[in-house]
Amino acid sequence: MASQTQTIESYREGAEVHHGDDLCRKKSIQLLEELGLPKGLLPLENIEEFGYNRAAGFMWLIQKKKKEHTFKKIKQTVSYASEVTAFVEQRKMKKITGVKTKELLLWLSVVEVYIDDPSSEKVTFKTGTGLSDSFPMSAFELE
């Protein structure tokens, strides 16, 4: 399996690429908004690069170091690696790499995030083990 860095490089051509924390945060939030996903879904810090290959639907974020974030409204801790990648489409992120959630004492890879029915106001997270859980979209507002 290709490393995340190799995967990013293979989609770099034809992608819009931005550097610097402020601009990268702004662009990633704009993309989440465009996709109909909660704007606080990727609360990364010290982002060095954000890229989006619109034709392939592939996006990536590179931050200085991994980050753990607790979504307070749902008391859920999520770990974001220094490189986060995903294929995106309307109301969905799939084949996600670099994102894990803590369940009991285990860290499980999050492989998909989606909103089945926008009127339900719920966002669903699916792990690599096939487990999924839904939470209110309001839990992922910008903090």
N, C-alpha and C. Protein backbone atom coordinates (compact mmCIF):
# COMPACT_ATOMS: atom_id res chain seq x y z
N MET A 1 0.84 -1.19 0.00
CA MET A 1 0.00 0.00 0.00
C MET A 1 0.88 1.25 0.00
N ALA A 2 0.54 2.22 -0.80
CA ALA A 2 1.33 3.44 -0.91
C ALA A 2 1.22 4.25 0.38
N SER A 3 2.30 4.94 0.72
CA SER A 3 2.25 5.80 1.90
C SER A 3 1.38 7.01 1.57
N GLN A 4 0.96 7.71 2.64
CA GLN A 4 0.13 8.90 2.43
C GLN A 4 0.87 9.93 1.59
N THR A 5 2.18 10.08 1.85
CA THR A 5 2.97 11.06 1.11
C THR A 5 2.99 10.71 -0.38
N GLN A 6 3.16 9.43 -0.72
CA GLN A 6 3.15 9.01 -2.12
C GLN A 6 1.78 9.27 -2.74
N THR A 7 0.73 9.00 -1.97
CA THR A 7 -0.63 9.23 -2.47
C THR A 7 -0.84 10.71 -2.76
N ILE A 8 -0.41 11.56 -1.82
CA ILE A 8 -0.53 13.01 -2.02
C ILE A 8 0.20 13.42 -3.29
N GLU A 9 1.43 12.95 -3.45
CA GLU A 9 2.23 13.31 -4.63
C GLU A 9 1.54 12.90 -5.92
N SER A 10 0.88 11.76 -5.92
CA SER A 10 0.23 11.28 -7.14
C SER A 10 -0.97 12.15 -7.53
N TYR A 11 -1.53 12.91 -6.59
CA TYR A 11 -2.67 13.77 -6.89
C TYR A 11 -2.30 15.26 -6.93
N ARG A 12 -1.03 15.57 -6.69
CA ARG A 12 -0.60 16.97 -6.62
C ARG A 12 -0.80 17.70 -7.96
N GLU A 13 -0.48 17.01 -9.07
CA GLU A 13 -0.63 17.65 -10.38
C GLU A 13 -2.11 17.94 -10.63
N GLY A 14 -2.40 19.17 -10.97
CA GLY A 14 -3.78 19.57 -11.24
C GLY A 14 -4.56 19.95 -9.99
N ALA A 15 -3.90 19.91 -8.84
CA ALA A 15 -4.59 20.25 -7.58
C ALA A 15 -4.36 21.71 -7.23
N GLU A 16 -5.29 22.28 -6.47
CA GLU A 16 -5.04 23.60 -5.90
C GLU A 16 -4.36 23.34 -4.57
N VAL A 17 -3.19 23.94 -4.38
CA VAL A 17 -2.38 23.70 -3.19
C VAL A 17 -2.12 25.03 -2.50
N HIS A 18 -2.32 25.05 -1.18
CA HIS A 18 -2.13 26.27 -0.39
C HIS A 18 -1.18 25.97 0.76
N HIS A 19 -0.44 27.00 1.18
CA HIS A 19 0.51 26.87 2.28
C HIS A 19 0.24 27.94 3.33
N GLY A 20 0.59 27.64 4.57
CA GLY A 20 0.41 28.59 5.67
C GLY A 20 -0.87 28.29 6.43
N ASP A 21 -0.78 28.31 7.75
CA ASP A 21 -1.88 27.89 8.61
C ASP A 21 -3.18 28.64 8.35
N ASP A 22 -3.14 29.97 8.33
CA ASP A 22 -4.38 30.75 8.18
C ASP A 22 -5.11 30.43 6.87
N LEU A 23 -4.36 30.46 5.76
CA LEU A 23 -4.96 30.21 4.45
C LEU A 23 -5.46 28.77 4.35
N CYS A 24 -4.68 27.82 4.85
CA CYS A 24 -5.07 26.40 4.78
C CYS A 24 -6.33 26.13 5.60
N ARG A 25 -6.42 26.74 6.78
CA ARG A 25 -7.65 26.58 7.59
C ARG A 25 -8.85 27.12 6.84
N LYS A 26 -8.68 28.32 6.29
CA LYS A 26 -9.77 28.97 5.56
C LYS A 26 -10.23 28.10 4.38
N LYS A 27 -9.27 27.59 3.61
CA LYS A 27 -9.60 26.79 2.43
C LYS A 27 -10.24 25.45 2.81
N SER A 28 -9.76 24.83 3.89
CA SER A 28 -10.34 23.54 4.31
C SER A 28 -11.76 23.74 4.81
N ILE A 29 -12.00 24.83 5.52
CA ILE A 29 -13.36 25.13 6.01
C ILE A 29 -14.28 25.42 4.83
N GLN A 30 -13.78 26.16 3.83
CA GLN A 30 -14.57 26.44 2.63
C GLN A 30 -14.96 25.14 1.93
N LEU A 31 -14.02 24.20 1.85
CA LEU A 31 -14.30 22.93 1.18
C LEU A 31 -15.36 22.14 1.96
N LEU A 32 -15.22 22.06 3.27
CA LEU A 32 -16.22 21.36 4.08
C LEU A 32 -17.60 21.97 3.88
N GLU A 33 -17.64 23.30 3.85
CA GLU A 33 -18.91 24.01 3.65
C GLU A 33 -19.50 23.68 2.27
N GLU A 34 -18.65 23.71 1.25
CA GLU A 34 -19.06 23.40 -0.12
C GLU A 34 -19.63 21.97 -0.22
N LEU A 35 -19.06 21.06 0.56
CA LEU A 35 -19.49 19.66 0.53
C LEU A 35 -20.71 19.39 1.42
N GLY A 36 -21.14 20.42 2.16
CA GLY A 36 -22.29 20.24 3.04
C GLY A 36 -21.95 19.50 4.32
N LEU A 37 -20.67 19.55 4.71
CA LEU A 37 -20.21 18.90 5.95
C LEU A 37 -19.97 19.96 7.03
N PRO A 38 -20.03 19.57 8.30
CA PRO A 38 -19.80 20.54 9.38
C PRO A 38 -18.42 21.20 9.28
N LYS A 39 -18.38 22.52 9.49
CA LYS A 39 -17.14 23.28 9.31
C LYS A 39 -16.07 22.98 10.35
N GLY A 40 -16.45 22.41 11.50
CA GLY A 40 -15.47 22.12 12.54
C GLY A 40 -14.98 20.69 12.54
N LEU A 41 -15.21 19.97 11.46
CA LEU A 41 -14.87 18.55 11.37
C LEU A 41 -13.36 18.29 11.39
N LEU A 42 -12.58 19.25 10.90
CA LEU A 42 -11.12 19.09 10.83
C LEU A 42 -10.44 20.21 11.61
N PRO A 43 -10.45 20.13 12.94
CA PRO A 43 -9.90 21.21 13.77
C PRO A 43 -8.38 21.11 13.92
N LEU A 44 -7.67 21.18 12.82
CA LEU A 44 -6.22 21.00 12.83
C LEU A 44 -5.52 22.30 13.20
N GLU A 45 -4.26 22.17 13.63
CA GLU A 45 -3.46 23.34 14.02
C GLU A 45 -2.13 23.30 13.28
N ASN A 46 -1.56 24.48 13.10
CA ASN A 46 -0.25 24.59 12.44
C ASN A 46 -0.24 23.83 11.11
N ILE A 47 -1.25 24.10 10.30
CA ILE A 47 -1.35 23.44 9.00
C ILE A 47 -0.31 24.04 8.06
N GLU A 48 0.48 23.17 7.47
CA GLU A 48 1.53 23.62 6.56
C GLU A 48 1.06 23.59 5.11
N GLU A 49 0.15 22.65 4.79
CA GLU A 49 -0.30 22.53 3.40
C GLU A 49 -1.70 21.96 3.34
N PHE A 50 -2.50 22.53 2.45
CA PHE A 50 -3.83 22.00 2.13
C PHE A 50 -3.88 21.85 0.63
N GLY A 51 -4.32 20.70 0.17
CA GLY A 51 -4.45 20.49 -1.27
C GLY A 51 -5.78 19.84 -1.60
N TYR A 52 -6.29 20.20 -2.78
CA TYR A 52 -7.55 19.61 -3.23
C TYR A 52 -7.48 19.42 -4.73
N ASN A 53 -7.56 18.16 -5.16
CA ASN A 53 -7.62 17.83 -6.57
C ASN A 53 -9.09 17.62 -6.90
N ARG A 54 -9.71 18.66 -7.41
CA ARG A 54 -11.16 18.65 -7.65
C ARG A 54 -11.57 17.54 -8.62
N ALA A 55 -10.77 17.32 -9.66
CA ALA A 55 -11.12 16.30 -10.67
C ALA A 55 -11.18 14.91 -10.05
N ALA A 56 -10.24 14.61 -9.16
CA ALA A 56 -10.19 13.28 -8.53
C ALA A 56 -11.02 13.22 -7.24
N GLY A 57 -11.38 14.40 -6.71
CA GLY A 57 -12.10 14.43 -5.45
C GLY A 57 -11.21 14.08 -4.27
N PHE A 58 -9.90 14.34 -4.40
CA PHE A 58 -8.95 13.98 -3.34
C PHE A 58 -8.47 15.24 -2.62
N MET A 59 -8.49 15.21 -1.28
CA MET A 59 -7.99 16.35 -0.50
C MET A 59 -6.99 15.87 0.53
N TRP A 60 -6.09 16.77 0.93
CA TRP A 60 -5.13 16.44 1.97
C TRP A 60 -4.80 17.67 2.80
N LEU A 61 -4.40 17.41 4.03
CA LEU A 61 -3.93 18.43 4.95
C LEU A 61 -2.66 17.91 5.60
N ILE A 62 -1.65 18.76 5.68
CA ILE A 62 -0.41 18.39 6.36
C ILE A 62 -0.21 19.40 7.49
N GLN A 63 -0.13 18.90 8.72
CA GLN A 63 0.12 19.77 9.86
C GLN A 63 1.48 19.42 10.46
N LYS A 64 2.04 20.36 11.24
CA LYS A 64 3.38 20.16 11.81
C LYS A 64 3.49 18.87 12.61
N LYS A 65 2.50 18.57 13.43
CA LYS A 65 2.53 17.35 14.24
C LYS A 65 1.12 16.86 14.48
N LYS A 66 1.00 15.61 14.91
CA LYS A 66 -0.33 15.05 15.14
C LYS A 66 -1.04 15.82 16.25
N LYS A 67 -2.36 15.77 16.23
CA LYS A 67 -3.16 16.53 17.20
C LYS A 67 -4.32 15.69 17.68
N GLU A 68 -4.57 15.75 18.98
CA GLU A 68 -5.77 15.15 19.55
C GLU A 68 -6.74 16.27 19.86
N HIS A 69 -8.00 16.03 19.56
CA HIS A 69 -9.04 17.03 19.81
C HIS A 69 -10.25 16.33 20.42
N THR A 70 -10.81 16.94 21.46
CA THR A 70 -12.03 16.39 22.05
C THR A 70 -13.21 17.27 21.64
N PHE A 71 -14.17 16.66 20.98
CA PHE A 71 -15.41 17.36 20.64
C PHE A 71 -16.25 17.34 21.91
N LYS A 72 -16.29 18.49 22.59
CA LYS A 72 -16.86 18.57 23.93
C LYS A 72 -18.34 18.18 24.00
N LYS A 73 -19.12 18.57 23.02
CA LYS A 73 -20.57 18.30 23.07
C LYS A 73 -20.89 16.81 23.07
N ILE A 74 -19.99 16.01 22.51
CA ILE A 74 -20.25 14.56 22.46
C ILE A 74 -19.19 13.76 23.22
N LYS A 75 -18.27 14.50 23.88
CA LYS A 75 -17.21 13.87 24.68
C LYS A 75 -16.47 12.78 23.89
N GLN A 76 -16.11 13.11 22.67
CA GLN A 76 -15.44 12.16 21.78
C GLN A 76 -14.06 12.70 21.44
N THR A 77 -13.01 11.91 21.69
CA THR A 77 -11.65 12.32 21.37
C THR A 77 -11.25 11.73 20.02
N VAL A 78 -10.68 12.61 19.19
CA VAL A 78 -10.25 12.22 17.85
C VAL A 78 -8.77 12.59 17.70
N SER A 79 -8.00 11.71 17.07
CA SER A 79 -6.59 11.96 16.82
C SER A 79 -6.41 12.19 15.32
N TYR A 80 -5.71 13.29 15.00
CA TYR A 80 -5.42 13.63 13.61
C TYR A 80 -3.91 13.50 13.40
N ALA A 81 -3.49 12.64 12.48
CA ALA A 81 -2.06 12.46 12.18
C ALA A 81 -1.52 13.72 11.52
N SER A 82 -0.20 13.77 11.32
CA SER A 82 0.38 14.95 10.67
C SER A 82 -0.08 15.06 9.22
N GLU A 83 -0.47 13.93 8.61
CA GLU A 83 -1.05 13.96 7.26
C GLU A 83 -2.43 13.32 7.31
N VAL A 84 -3.42 14.07 6.84
CA VAL A 84 -4.80 13.58 6.76
C VAL A 84 -5.22 13.65 5.30
N THR A 85 -5.76 12.54 4.78
CA THR A 85 -6.20 12.52 3.38
C THR A 85 -7.61 11.93 3.29
N ALA A 86 -8.30 12.27 2.22
CA ALA A 86 -9.63 11.69 2.00
C ALA A 86 -10.07 11.95 0.56
N PHE A 87 -10.95 11.10 0.09
CA PHE A 87 -11.66 11.35 -1.16
C PHE A 87 -12.99 11.95 -0.73
N VAL A 88 -13.38 13.03 -1.38
CA VAL A 88 -14.58 13.75 -0.95
C VAL A 88 -15.60 13.88 -2.07
N GLU A 89 -16.84 13.93 -1.67
CA GLU A 89 -17.96 14.21 -2.57
C GLU A 89 -19.04 14.87 -1.72
N GLN A 90 -20.13 15.24 -2.33
CA GLN A 90 -21.18 15.94 -1.60
C GLN A 90 -21.61 15.14 -0.37
N ARG A 91 -21.51 15.76 0.80
CA ARG A 91 -21.92 15.22 2.11
C ARG A 91 -21.15 13.96 2.50
N LYS A 92 -19.93 13.77 1.96
CA LYS A 92 -19.20 12.54 2.29
C LYS A 92 -17.69 12.71 2.16
N MET A 93 -16.96 12.10 3.11
CA MET A 93 -15.51 11.92 3.03
C MET A 93 -15.30 10.42 3.15
N LYS A 94 -14.52 9.83 2.22
CA LYS A 94 -14.31 8.38 2.28
C LYS A 94 -12.84 8.06 2.05
N LYS A 95 -12.48 6.80 2.32
CA LYS A 95 -11.08 6.36 2.23
C LYS A 95 -10.19 7.32 3.01
N ILE A 96 -10.66 7.72 4.18
CA ILE A 96 -9.93 8.67 5.03
C ILE A 96 -8.70 7.99 5.61
N THR A 97 -7.58 8.71 5.63
CA THR A 97 -6.39 8.23 6.33
C THR A 97 -5.97 9.31 7.32
N GLY A 98 -5.38 8.88 8.44
CA GLY A 98 -4.83 9.83 9.41
C GLY A 98 -5.80 10.30 10.47
N VAL A 99 -6.98 9.69 10.57
CA VAL A 99 -7.96 10.09 11.59
C VAL A 99 -8.37 8.86 12.39
N LYS A 100 -8.28 8.97 13.71
CA LYS A 100 -8.68 7.88 14.60
C LYS A 100 -9.57 8.42 15.71
N THR A 101 -10.46 7.58 16.20
CA THR A 101 -11.33 7.95 17.31
C THR A 101 -11.11 6.97 18.45
N LYS A 102 -11.26 7.45 19.65
CA LYS A 102 -11.04 6.59 20.81
C LYS A 102 -12.36 6.01 21.28
N GLU A 103 -12.42 4.69 21.31
CA GLU A 103 -13.58 3.96 21.82
C GLU A 103 -13.10 3.08 22.95
N LEU A 104 -13.60 3.31 24.14
CA LEU A 104 -13.12 2.61 25.34
C LEU A 104 -11.62 2.85 25.44
N LEU A 105 -10.80 1.84 25.32
CA LEU A 105 -9.35 2.04 25.41
C LEU A 105 -8.66 1.87 24.07
N LEU A 106 -9.43 1.73 23.00
CA LEU A 106 -8.87 1.47 21.67
C LEU A 106 -8.97 2.69 20.76
N TRP A 107 -7.95 2.86 19.93
CA TRP A 107 -8.00 3.87 18.87
C TRP A 107 -8.43 3.16 17.60
N LEU A 108 -9.52 3.59 16.99
CA LEU A 108 -10.03 2.99 15.76
C LEU A 108 -9.91 3.98 14.62
N SER A 109 -9.46 3.50 13.45
CA SER A 109 -9.34 4.38 12.28
C SER A 109 -10.73 4.75 11.77
N VAL A 110 -10.91 6.05 11.52
CA VAL A 110 -12.14 6.53 10.89
C VAL A 110 -11.89 6.48 9.39
N VAL A 111 -12.73 5.74 8.66
CA VAL A 111 -12.51 5.59 7.22
C VAL A 111 -13.54 6.32 6.38
N GLU A 112 -14.65 6.71 7.01
CA GLU A 112 -15.70 7.40 6.26
C GLU A 112 -16.50 8.30 7.19
N VAL A 113 -16.88 9.46 6.67
CA VAL A 113 -17.75 10.40 7.38
C VAL A 113 -18.80 10.82 6.36
N TYR A 114 -20.07 10.73 6.73
CA TYR A 114 -21.09 11.11 5.76
C TYR A 114 -22.38 11.58 6.44
N ILE A 115 -23.18 12.28 5.64
CA ILE A 115 -24.50 12.73 6.06
C ILE A 115 -25.48 12.11 5.08
N ASP A 116 -26.24 11.12 5.55
CA ASP A 116 -27.22 10.45 4.69
C ASP A 116 -28.37 11.37 4.34
N ASP A 117 -28.93 11.99 5.35
CA ASP A 117 -30.12 12.81 5.19
C ASP A 117 -29.87 14.15 5.87
N PRO A 118 -29.63 15.21 5.08
CA PRO A 118 -29.33 16.51 5.68
C PRO A 118 -30.40 16.99 6.67
N SER A 119 -31.64 16.61 6.46
CA SER A 119 -32.71 17.08 7.36
C SER A 119 -32.61 16.42 8.74
N SER A 120 -31.86 15.31 8.84
CA SER A 120 -31.72 14.63 10.14
C SER A 120 -30.75 15.36 11.06
N GLU A 121 -29.92 16.26 10.48
CA GLU A 121 -28.92 16.99 11.25
C GLU A 121 -27.93 16.04 11.93
N LYS A 122 -27.69 14.86 11.33
CA LYS A 122 -26.77 13.87 11.90
C LYS A 122 -25.62 13.60 10.94
N VAL A 123 -24.43 13.45 11.50
CA VAL A 123 -23.26 13.06 10.72
C VAL A 123 -22.80 11.70 11.25
N THR A 124 -22.52 10.77 10.33
CA THR A 124 -22.16 9.40 10.70
C THR A 124 -20.67 9.17 10.45
N PHE A 125 -20.04 8.51 11.40
CA PHE A 125 -18.62 8.15 11.32
C PHE A 125 -18.53 6.64 11.26
N LYS A 126 -17.76 6.14 10.29
CA LYS A 126 -17.59 4.69 10.13
C LYS A 126 -16.12 4.35 10.33
N THR A 127 -15.85 3.31 11.12
CA THR A 127 -14.47 2.90 11.38
C THR A 127 -14.07 1.76 10.45
N GLY A 128 -12.78 1.47 10.44
CA GLY A 128 -12.25 0.39 9.62
C GLY A 128 -12.77 -0.98 10.03
N THR A 129 -13.30 -1.08 11.25
CA THR A 129 -13.84 -2.36 11.73
C THR A 129 -15.30 -2.53 11.31
N GLY A 130 -15.87 -1.51 10.66
CA GLY A 130 -17.26 -1.58 10.23
C GLY A 130 -18.24 -0.96 11.21
N LEU A 131 -17.77 -0.60 12.41
CA LEU A 131 -18.64 0.06 13.38
C LEU A 131 -18.93 1.48 12.92
N SER A 132 -20.12 1.95 13.21
CA SER A 132 -20.43 3.33 12.88
C SER A 132 -21.27 3.93 14.00
N ASP A 133 -21.23 5.25 14.08
CA ASP A 133 -22.00 5.97 15.07
C ASP A 133 -22.37 7.32 14.48
N SER A 134 -23.54 7.81 14.84
CA SER A 134 -24.01 9.10 14.34
C SER A 134 -24.08 10.10 15.48
N PHE A 135 -23.77 11.35 15.15
CA PHE A 135 -23.77 12.43 16.13
C PHE A 135 -24.45 13.65 15.53
N PRO A 136 -24.96 14.55 16.38
CA PRO A 136 -25.55 15.79 15.86
C PRO A 136 -24.49 16.64 15.15
N MET A 137 -24.86 17.22 14.02
CA MET A 137 -23.92 18.07 13.28
C MET A 137 -23.45 19.23 14.14
N SER A 138 -24.30 19.68 15.06
CA SER A 138 -23.95 20.82 15.92
C SER A 138 -22.73 20.54 16.79
N ALA A 139 -22.39 19.26 16.99
CA ALA A 139 -21.21 18.91 17.80
C ALA A 139 -19.91 19.26 17.08
N PHE A 140 -20.00 19.55 15.78
CA PHE A 140 -18.80 19.80 14.98
C PHE A 140 -18.78 21.22 14.42
N GLU A 141 -19.37 22.15 15.18
CA GLU A 141 -19.32 23.55 14.79
C GLU A 141 -17.92 24.07 15.09
N LEU A 142 -17.54 25.16 14.44
CA LEU A 142 -16.24 25.76 14.71
C LEU A 142 -16.21 26.24 16.15
N GLU A 143 -15.10 25.99 16.84
CA GLU A 143 -14.97 26.41 18.25
C GLU A 143 -14.17 27.67 18.34
